C-alpha atoms as a PDB file:
ATOM      1  CA  MET A   1      -2.618  45.674  38.754  1.00  0.00           C
ATOM      2  CA  ASN A   2      -4.081  48.666  36.936  1.00  0.00           C
ATOM      3  CA  VAL A   3      -4.617  47.954  33.239  1.00  0.00           C
ATOM      4  CA  TYR A   4      -4.123  51.592  32.290  1.00  0.00           C
ATOM      5  CA  ASP A   5      -0.784  51.775  34.097  1.00  0.00           C
ATOM      6  CA  GLN A   6       0.294  48.616  32.272  1.00  0.00           C
ATOM      7  CA  ALA A   7      -0.836  50.085  28.950  1.00  0.00           C
ATOM      8  CA  HIS A   8       1.281  53.174  29.602  1.00  0.00           C
ATOM      9  CA  SER A   9       4.228  50.924  30.474  1.00  0.00           C
ATOM     10  CA  LEU A  10       3.730  49.003  27.234  1.00  0.00           C
ATOM     11  CA  ALA A  11       3.579  52.269  25.271  1.00  0.00           C
ATOM     12  CA  SER A  12       6.854  53.369  26.878  1.00  0.00           C
ATOM     13  CA  ALA A  13       8.468  50.021  26.090  1.00  0.00           C
ATOM     14  CA  ILE A  14       7.352  50.315  22.474  1.00  0.00           C
ATOM     15  CA  LYS A  15       8.773  53.843  22.217  1.00  0.00           C
ATOM     16  CA  GLU A  16      12.076  52.577  23.641  1.00  0.00           C
ATOM     17  CA  SER A  17      12.251  49.585  21.276  1.00  0.00           C
ATOM     18  CA  GLU A  18      14.857  49.486  18.534  1.00  0.00           C
ATOM     19  CA  GLU A  19      12.079  48.886  16.006  1.00  0.00           C
ATOM     20  CA  PHE A  20      10.354  52.139  16.932  1.00  0.00           C
ATOM     21  CA  LYS A  21      13.585  54.129  17.162  1.00  0.00           C
ATOM     22  CA  HIS A  22      14.669  53.006  13.681  1.00  0.00           C
ATOM     23  CA  PHE A  23      11.219  53.733  12.261  1.00  0.00           C
ATOM     24  CA  ASP A  24      11.074  57.164  13.901  1.00  0.00           C
ATOM     25  CA  GLN A  25      14.551  58.084  12.654  1.00  0.00           C
ATOM     26  CA  ALA A  26      13.754  56.914   9.113  1.00  0.00           C
ATOM     27  CA  LYS A  27      10.416  58.772   9.160  1.00  0.00           C
ATOM     28  CA  LYS A  28      12.127  62.009  10.164  1.00  0.00           C
ATOM     29  CA  ALA A  29      14.583  61.630   7.281  1.00  0.00           C
ATOM     30  CA  VAL A  30      11.725  61.114   4.820  1.00  0.00           C
ATOM     31  CA  ASP A  31       9.664  63.971   6.276  1.00  0.00           C
ATOM     32  CA  ALA A  32      12.629  66.298   5.703  1.00  0.00           C
ATOM     33  CA  ASN A  33      12.423  65.627   1.949  1.00  0.00           C
ATOM     34  CA  PRO A  34       8.997  66.711   0.613  1.00  0.00           C
ATOM     35  CA  GLN A  35       9.481  65.090  -2.811  1.00  0.00           C
ATOM     36  CA  LEU A  36      10.494  61.769  -1.270  1.00  0.00           C
ATOM     37  CA  LYS A  37       7.621  61.925   1.216  1.00  0.00           C
ATOM     38  CA  GLU A  38       5.177  62.553  -1.635  1.00  0.00           C
ATOM     39  CA  ALA A  39       6.568  59.597  -3.611  1.00  0.00           C
ATOM     40  CA  ILE A  40       6.320  57.292  -0.584  1.00  0.00           C
ATOM     41  CA  ASP A  41       2.779  58.481   0.164  1.00  0.00           C
ATOM     42  CA  ASP A  42       1.820  57.772  -3.450  1.00  0.00           C
ATOM     43  CA  PHE A  43       3.404  54.320  -3.267  1.00  0.00           C
ATOM     44  CA  MET A  44       1.601  53.511  -0.023  1.00  0.00           C
ATOM     45  CA  LYS A  45      -1.732  54.731  -1.413  1.00  0.00           C
ATOM     46  CA  LYS A  46      -1.373  52.498  -4.464  1.00  0.00           C
ATOM     47  CA  GLN A  47      -0.263  49.598  -2.283  1.00  0.00           C
ATOM     48  CA  LEU A  48      -3.335  50.018  -0.075  1.00  0.00           C
ATOM     49  CA  GLU A  49      -5.613  50.099  -3.121  1.00  0.00           C
ATOM     50  CA  VAL A  50      -4.133  46.826  -4.385  1.00  0.00           C
ATOM     51  CA  GLN A  51      -4.378  45.207  -0.935  1.00  0.00           C
ATOM     52  CA  SER A  52      -7.981  46.361  -0.522  1.00  0.00           C
ATOM     53  CA  ALA A  53      -8.950  44.950  -3.909  1.00  0.00           C
ATOM     54  CA  THR A  54      -7.282  41.649  -3.069  1.00  0.00           C
ATOM     55  CA  MET A  55      -9.006  41.442   0.320  1.00  0.00           C
ATOM     56  CA  MET A  56     -12.363  42.011  -1.371  1.00  0.00           C
ATOM     57  CA  GLY A  57     -11.679  39.116  -3.728  1.00  0.00           C
ATOM     58  CA  GLN A  58     -11.008  41.305  -6.732  1.00  0.00           C
ATOM     59  CA  GLN A  59      -8.135  40.905  -9.122  1.00  0.00           C
ATOM     60  CA  PRO A  60      -5.875  43.972  -8.764  1.00  0.00           C
ATOM     61  CA  ASP A  61      -5.712  46.161 -11.858  1.00  0.00           C
ATOM     62  CA  ALA A  62      -2.669  45.209 -13.970  1.00  0.00           C
ATOM     63  CA  GLU A  63      -1.819  48.864 -14.584  1.00  0.00           C
ATOM     64  CA  LYS A  64      -1.835  49.618 -10.848  1.00  0.00           C
ATOM     65  CA  MET A  65       0.331  46.580 -10.214  1.00  0.00           C
ATOM     66  CA  GLN A  66       2.828  47.789 -12.802  1.00  0.00           C
ATOM     67  CA  GLN A  67       2.839  51.313 -11.336  1.00  0.00           C
ATOM     68  CA  LEU A  68       3.354  49.857  -7.871  1.00  0.00           C
ATOM     69  CA  GLN A  69       6.267  47.747  -9.084  1.00  0.00           C
ATOM     70  CA  GLN A  70       7.887  50.702 -10.849  1.00  0.00           C
ATOM     71  CA  LEU A  71       7.488  52.944  -7.812  1.00  0.00           C
ATOM     72  CA  SER A  72       8.964  50.243  -5.620  1.00  0.00           C
ATOM     73  CA  VAL A  73      12.055  49.936  -7.818  1.00  0.00           C
ATOM     74  CA  VAL A  74      12.573  53.702  -7.838  1.00  0.00           C
ATOM     75  CA  LEU A  75      12.048  54.079  -4.086  1.00  0.00           C
ATOM     76  CA  MET A  76      14.352  51.222  -3.159  1.00  0.00           C
ATOM     77  CA  GLN A  77      17.186  52.980  -4.984  1.00  0.00           C
ATOM     78  CA  ASP A  78      16.940  55.841  -2.493  1.00  0.00           C
ATOM     79  CA  PRO A  79      18.637  54.856   0.801  1.00  0.00           C
ATOM     80  CA  SER A  80      16.260  57.005   2.914  1.00  0.00           C
ATOM     81  CA  ALA A  81      13.172  55.543   1.272  1.00  0.00           C
ATOM     82  CA  ALA A  82      14.486  51.979   1.522  1.00  0.00           C
ATOM     83  CA  ALA A  83      15.335  52.464   5.217  1.00  0.00           C
ATOM     84  CA  TYR A  84      11.903  53.955   5.878  1.00  0.00           C
ATOM     85  CA  LEU A  85       9.968  51.205   4.116  1.00  0.00           C
ATOM     86  CA  GLN A  86      12.008  48.440   5.761  1.00  0.00           C
ATOM     87  CA  SER A  87      11.731  49.983   9.234  1.00  0.00           C
ATOM     88  CA  GLN A  88       7.992  50.457   8.739  1.00  0.00           C
ATOM     89  CA  ILE A  89       7.602  46.759   7.932  1.00  0.00           C
ATOM     90  CA  THR A  90       9.684  45.734  10.943  1.00  0.00           C
ATOM     91  CA  PHE A  91       7.799  48.057  13.309  1.00  0.00           C
ATOM     92  CA  SER A  92       4.416  46.927  11.931  1.00  0.00           C
ATOM     93  CA  MET A  93       5.377  43.285  12.437  1.00  0.00           C
ATOM     94  CA  MET A  94       6.326  43.994  16.058  1.00  0.00           C
ATOM     95  CA  MET A  95       3.016  45.791  16.664  1.00  0.00           C
ATOM     96  CA  ALA A  96       1.094  42.914  15.055  1.00  0.00           C
ATOM     97  CA  ASP A  97       2.924  40.482  17.356  1.00  0.00           C
ATOM     98  CA  VAL A  98       2.026  42.584  20.408  1.00  0.00           C
ATOM     99  CA  TYR A  99      -1.607  42.715  19.328  1.00  0.00           C
ATOM    100  CA  LYS A 100      -1.624  38.950  18.762  1.00  0.00           C
ATOM    101  CA  ILE A 101      -0.183  38.325  22.230  1.00  0.00           C
ATOM    102  CA  VAL A 102      -2.897  40.475  23.817  1.00  0.00           C
ATOM    103  CA  SER A 103      -5.702  39.016  21.710  1.00  0.00           C
ATOM    104  CA  ASP A 104      -4.515  35.431  22.341  1.00  0.00           C
ATOM    105  CA  ALA A 105      -4.244  36.049  26.084  1.00  0.00           C
ATOM    106  CA  THR A 106      -7.765  37.481  26.253  1.00  0.00           C
ATOM    107  CA  GLY A 107      -9.381  35.179  23.729  1.00  0.00           C
ATOM    108  CA  LEU A 108     -10.376  38.165  21.614  1.00  0.00           C
ATOM    109  CA  GLY A 109      -8.524  36.779  18.605  1.00  0.00           C
ATOM    110  CA  ASP A 110     -10.982  33.881  18.453  1.00  0.00           C
ATOM    111  CA  LEU A 111     -13.970  36.213  18.642  1.00  0.00           C
ATOM    112  CA  MET A 112     -12.570  38.502  15.948  1.00  0.00           C
ATOM    113  CA  GLY A 113     -11.377  35.732  13.643  1.00  0.00           C
ATOM    114  CA  ILE A 114      -7.693  36.594  14.078  1.00  0.00           C
END
């Protein structure tokens, strides 16, 4: 069994998954709307800043939290944005599960604290 051949098979299976297809379709819809793409990028940047602060043991800035909440409300009212954000979560969860399966099978999760 060649590991690289198996990796290519896994990549193909991922690309054929419903999770990826939904995410790809939603991403294309968002990419076609520059204003919506910019708003989602801004939302994701703020979300990452809050997550990073939390992971470093810092209390997220209340103003950033409020901005994040407001952006979330606005974005979820747009069907394309809502579909994109939901499909991104679903696809990310699938990829995390795949990574966990591989790391559990190899014991790497224990070494990396996962």
